[in-house]
C-alpha atoms as a PDB file:
ATOM      1  CA  MET A   1     -61.286  17.590  21.043  1.00  0.00           C
ATOM      2  CA  ALA A   2     -60.391  14.014  21.874  1.00  0.00           C
ATOM      3  CA  ASN A   3     -57.149  13.130  23.608  1.00  0.00           C
ATOM      4  CA  LEU A   4     -54.155  12.581  21.384  1.00  0.00           C
ATOM      5  CA  LYS A   5     -53.399   8.849  21.378  1.00  0.00           C
ATOM      6  CA  LYS A   6     -50.521   7.705  19.243  1.00  0.00           C
ATOM      7  CA  THR A   7     -48.178   4.787  18.954  1.00  0.00           C
ATOM      8  CA  LEU A   8     -44.728   6.285  18.564  1.00  0.00           C
ATOM      9  CA  THR A   9     -42.092   4.961  16.186  1.00  0.00           C
ATOM     10  CA  SER A  10     -40.541   3.141  19.160  1.00  0.00           C
ATOM     11  CA  GLY A  11     -43.806   1.287  19.770  1.00  0.00           C
ATOM     12  CA  LYS A  12     -44.453   3.175  23.025  1.00  0.00           C
ATOM     13  CA  GLU A  13     -47.862   4.754  23.562  1.00  0.00           C
ATOM     14  CA  LEU A  14     -48.300   8.511  23.880  1.00  0.00           C
ATOM     15  CA  GLU A  15     -51.500   9.973  25.301  1.00  0.00           C
ATOM     16  CA  VAL A  16     -52.027  13.681  25.889  1.00  0.00           C
ATOM     17  CA  SER A  17     -55.085  15.723  26.810  1.00  0.00           C
ATOM     18  CA  LEU A  18     -55.712  19.141  25.297  1.00  0.00           C
ATOM     19  CA  PRO A  19     -53.734  21.821  27.161  1.00  0.00           C
ATOM     20  CA  SER A  20     -55.482  24.710  28.834  1.00  0.00           C
ATOM     21  CA  PHE A  21     -56.195  27.749  26.682  1.00  0.00           C
ATOM     22  CA  GLU A  22     -53.548  29.684  28.623  1.00  0.00           C
ATOM     23  CA  ASP A  23     -50.829  27.047  28.105  1.00  0.00           C
ATOM     24  CA  SER A  24     -51.612  26.515  24.429  1.00  0.00           C
ATOM     25  CA  THR A  25     -51.753  30.293  23.857  1.00  0.00           C
ATOM     26  CA  ARG A  26     -48.314  30.674  25.440  1.00  0.00           C
ATOM     27  CA  LEU A  27     -47.010  27.961  23.110  1.00  0.00           C
ATOM     28  CA  ARG A  28     -48.664  29.559  20.072  1.00  0.00           C
ATOM     29  CA  GLN A  29     -47.098  32.912  20.907  1.00  0.00           C
ATOM     30  CA  ALA A  30     -43.632  31.390  21.318  1.00  0.00           C
ATOM     31  CA  VAL A  31     -43.913  29.565  17.994  1.00  0.00           C
ATOM     32  CA  MET A  32     -45.150  32.683  16.193  1.00  0.00           C
ATOM     33  CA  MET A  33     -42.300  34.795  17.598  1.00  0.00           C
ATOM     34  CA  ASP A  34     -39.741  32.268  16.336  1.00  0.00           C
ATOM     35  CA  LEU A  35     -41.381  31.819  12.936  1.00  0.00           C
ATOM     36  CA  LYS A  36     -41.513  35.565  12.415  1.00  0.00           C
ATOM     37  CA  GLY A  37     -37.768  35.542  11.762  1.00  0.00           C
ATOM     38  CA  ILE A  38     -37.831  32.723   9.189  1.00  0.00           C
ATOM     39  CA  GLN A  39     -37.819  33.777   5.557  1.00  0.00           C
ATOM     40  CA  ILE A  40     -39.817  31.296   3.524  1.00  0.00           C
ATOM     41  CA  SER A  41     -38.516  30.716   0.033  1.00  0.00           C
ATOM     42  CA  PHE A  42     -39.637  28.248  -2.605  1.00  0.00           C
ATOM     43  CA  GLY A  43     -36.932  29.154  -5.111  1.00  0.00           C
ATOM     44  CA  ASP A  44     -37.353  28.748  -8.844  1.00  0.00           C
ATOM     45  CA  MET A  45     -40.471  26.617  -9.083  1.00  0.00           C
ATOM     46  CA  LYS A  46     -39.447  25.397 -12.546  1.00  0.00           C
ATOM     47  CA  SER A  47     -36.234  23.725 -11.430  1.00  0.00           C
ATOM     48  CA  GLY A  48     -35.375  21.380  -8.639  1.00  0.00           C
ATOM     49  CA  VAL A  49     -34.986  17.728  -7.800  1.00  0.00           C
ATOM     50  CA  PRO A  50     -38.042  15.473  -8.162  1.00  0.00           C
ATOM     51  CA  PHE A  51     -39.246  14.106  -4.826  1.00  0.00           C
ATOM     52  CA  GLN A  52     -42.522  12.198  -4.491  1.00  0.00           C
ATOM     53  CA  GLY A  53     -43.968  13.813  -7.594  1.00  0.00           C
ATOM     54  CA  GLN A  54     -42.989  17.384  -6.689  1.00  0.00           C
ATOM     55  CA  LEU A  55     -39.964  19.470  -7.542  1.00  0.00           C
ATOM     56  CA  VAL A  56     -37.920  20.304  -4.447  1.00  0.00           C
ATOM     57  CA  THR A  57     -35.532  23.227  -4.661  1.00  0.00           C
ATOM     58  CA  GLN A  58     -32.520  24.084  -2.530  1.00  0.00           C
ATOM     59  CA  GLU A  59     -34.483  27.063  -1.194  1.00  0.00           C
ATOM     60  CA  MET A  60     -37.302  24.756  -0.094  1.00  0.00           C
ATOM     61  CA  LEU A  61     -34.853  22.500   1.725  1.00  0.00           C
ATOM     62  CA  ASN A  62     -33.218  25.497   3.421  1.00  0.00           C
ATOM     63  CA  THR A  63     -36.623  26.815   4.471  1.00  0.00           C
ATOM     64  CA  LEU A  64     -37.535  23.407   5.922  1.00  0.00           C
ATOM     65  CA  LYS A  65     -34.173  23.201   7.718  1.00  0.00           C
ATOM     66  CA  ASN A  66     -34.620  26.693   9.166  1.00  0.00           C
ATOM     67  CA  LEU A  67     -38.173  25.943  10.334  1.00  0.00           C
ATOM     68  CA  THR A  68     -37.087  22.683  11.940  1.00  0.00           C
ATOM     69  CA  ALA A  69     -34.060  24.246  13.629  1.00  0.00           C
ATOM     70  CA  SER A  70     -36.147  27.139  14.918  1.00  0.00           C
ATOM     71  CA  LEU A  71     -38.881  24.923  16.359  1.00  0.00           C
ATOM     72  CA  ALA A  72     -36.545  22.269  17.782  1.00  0.00           C
ATOM     73  CA  GLY A  73     -33.872  24.670  19.025  1.00  0.00           C
ATOM     74  CA  SER A  74     -35.957  27.368  20.680  1.00  0.00           C
ATOM     75  CA  ALA A  75     -35.704  27.605  24.461  1.00  0.00           C
ATOM     76  CA  ALA A  76     -38.871  29.753  24.487  1.00  0.00           C
ATOM     77  CA  ILE A  77     -40.854  27.137  22.563  1.00  0.00           C
ATOM     78  CA  GLU A  78     -39.557  24.307  24.729  1.00  0.00           C
ATOM     79  CA  ALA A  79     -40.420  26.215  27.923  1.00  0.00           C
ATOM     80  CA  ALA A  80     -43.953  26.819  26.625  1.00  0.00           C
ATOM     81  CA  LEU A  81     -44.245  23.203  25.474  1.00  0.00           C
ATOM     82  CA  TRP A  82     -43.510  21.601  28.873  1.00  0.00           C
ATOM     83  CA  PRO A  83     -46.886  22.445  30.476  1.00  0.00           C
ATOM     84  CA  CYS A  84     -48.567  20.945  27.398  1.00  0.00           C
ATOM     85  CA  MET A  85     -46.448  17.776  27.534  1.00  0.00           C
ATOM     86  CA  ALA A  86     -47.075  17.465  31.275  1.00  0.00           C
ATOM     87  CA  ARG A  87     -50.701  16.655  30.446  1.00  0.00           C
ATOM     88  CA  GLY A  88     -49.612  13.391  28.908  1.00  0.00           C
ATOM     89  CA  THR A  89     -48.173   9.971  29.471  1.00  0.00           C
ATOM     90  CA  TRP A  90     -45.490   7.970  27.686  1.00  0.00           C
ATOM     91  CA  ASP A  91     -45.853   4.237  28.020  1.00  0.00           C
ATOM     92  CA  GLY A  92     -48.199   4.856  30.978  1.00  0.00           C
ATOM     93  CA  GLN A  93     -45.736   7.138  32.808  1.00  0.00           C
ATOM     94  CA  LYS A  94     -46.432  10.817  33.388  1.00  0.00           C
ATOM     95  CA  ILE A  95     -44.352  13.042  31.121  1.00  0.00           C
ATOM     96  CA  THR A  96     -41.887  15.071  33.180  1.00  0.00           C
ATOM     97  CA  LYS A  97     -38.324  16.206  32.619  1.00  0.00           C
ATOM     98  CA  ASP A  98     -37.200  13.393  34.917  1.00  0.00           C
ATOM     99  CA  LEU A  99     -38.793  10.855  32.553  1.00  0.00           C
ATOM    100  CA  PHE A 100     -36.168  11.736  29.955  1.00  0.00           C
ATOM    101  CA  GLU A 101     -33.304  10.745  32.235  1.00  0.00           C
ATOM    102  CA  ASN A 102     -34.288   7.307  30.921  1.00  0.00           C
ATOM    103  CA  GLU A 103     -32.369   6.785  27.648  1.00  0.00           C
ATOM    104  CA  GLU A 104     -35.244   4.868  26.063  1.00  0.00           C
ATOM    105  CA  ALA A 105     -37.652   7.725  26.769  1.00  0.00           C
ATOM    106  CA  ARG A 106     -35.115  10.282  25.574  1.00  0.00           C
ATOM    107  CA  GLU A 107     -35.076   8.580  22.174  1.00  0.00           C
ATOM    108  CA  ASP A 108     -38.775   9.497  21.869  1.00  0.00           C
ATOM    109  CA  PHE A 109     -38.395  13.094  23.075  1.00  0.00           C
ATOM    110  CA  MET A 110     -38.373  14.800  19.662  1.00  0.00           C
ATOM    111  CA  GLU A 111     -41.335  12.788  18.391  1.00  0.00           C
ATOM    112  CA  ILE A 112     -43.297  13.480  21.588  1.00  0.00           C
ATOM    113  CA  ALA A 113     -42.489  17.198  21.404  1.00  0.00           C
ATOM    114  CA  GLN A 114     -43.561  17.363  17.756  1.00  0.00           C
ATOM    115  CA  GLU A 115     -46.821  15.500  18.355  1.00  0.00           C
ATOM    116  CA  VAL A 116     -47.737  17.598  21.395  1.00  0.00           C
ATOM    117  CA  LEU A 117     -46.822  20.833  19.621  1.00  0.00           C
ATOM    118  CA  TRP A 118     -49.105  20.140  16.627  1.00  0.00           C
ATOM    119  CA  TYR A 119     -51.889  18.742  18.807  1.00  0.00           C
ATOM    120  CA  SER A 120     -51.775  21.853  21.012  1.00  0.00           C
ATOM    121  CA  LEU A 121     -51.709  24.295  18.089  1.00  0.00           C
ATOM    122  CA  ARG A 122     -54.155  22.546  15.745  1.00  0.00           C
ATOM    123  CA  PRO A 123     -57.289  24.314  17.081  1.00  0.00           C
ATOM    124  CA  PHE A 124     -55.663  27.711  16.469  1.00  0.00           C
ATOM    125  CA  LEU A 125     -54.509  26.767  12.974  1.00  0.00           C
ATOM    126  CA  LYS A 126     -57.737  25.407  11.470  1.00  0.00           C
ATOM    127  CA  GLY A 127     -58.939  28.816  10.286  1.00  0.00           C
ATOM    128  CA  LEU A 128     -55.501  29.859   9.081  1.00  0.00           C
ATOM    129  CA  VAL A 129     -55.046  26.684   7.031  1.00  0.00           C
ATOM    130  CA  SER A 130     -58.343  27.253   5.206  1.00  0.00           C
ATOM    131  CA  LYS A 131     -57.148  30.739   4.248  1.00  0.00           C
ATOM    132  CA  LEU A 132     -53.810  29.364   2.973  1.00  0.00           C
ATOM    133  CA  LYS A 133     -55.322  26.658   0.734  1.00  0.00           C
ATOM    134  CA  PRO A 134     -55.892  29.042  -2.203  1.00  0.00           C
ATOM    135  CA  LEU A 135     -52.257  30.180  -1.933  1.00  0.00           C
ATOM    136  CA  ALA A 136     -50.998  26.578  -1.930  1.00  0.00           C
ATOM    137  CA  ALA A 137     -53.198  25.777  -4.933  1.00  0.00           C
ATOM    138  CA  GLY A 138     -51.723  28.738  -6.783  1.00  0.00           C
ATOM    139  CA  LEU A 139     -48.181  27.598  -6.015  1.00  0.00           C
ATOM    140  CA  THR A 140     -48.919  24.083  -7.186  1.00  0.00           C
ATOM    141  CA  SER A 141     -50.450  25.246 -10.448  1.00  0.00           C
ATOM    142  CA  SER A 142     -47.470  27.558 -11.110  1.00  0.00           C
ATOM    143  CA  GLN A 143     -45.143  24.530 -10.949  1.00  0.00           C
ATOM    144  CA  LYS A 144     -46.825  22.925 -13.940  1.00  0.00           C
END
């Protein structure tokens, strides 16, 4: 898999190489342990607020909030994410905890963490996503 190269919202460049199998497995395990406790709810698929052509329910928003809080607030996930982030650069500087003493870099921390997390987990998720597509199609058709 090619290196992740992305221009962040700030305009700074992020480049990260694929983490080792051991590091990405540790991250995958931490994410799975946190997600295990999240109840996913779509609510009443016939009611909700229209958003970009889809109905969004309060349950969907709560599920999204809980997923985001779990991923962004987990010490276990962050600890497993650091070795993956350490394989990258931000604006040409090696990513370390010391980098984020810089306020400008700190503003990019959440975006960097998100990008590295998905980049590191993507190879594990390809097979799972293909299995979930029929479920997502069923949910979409039940909204109509």
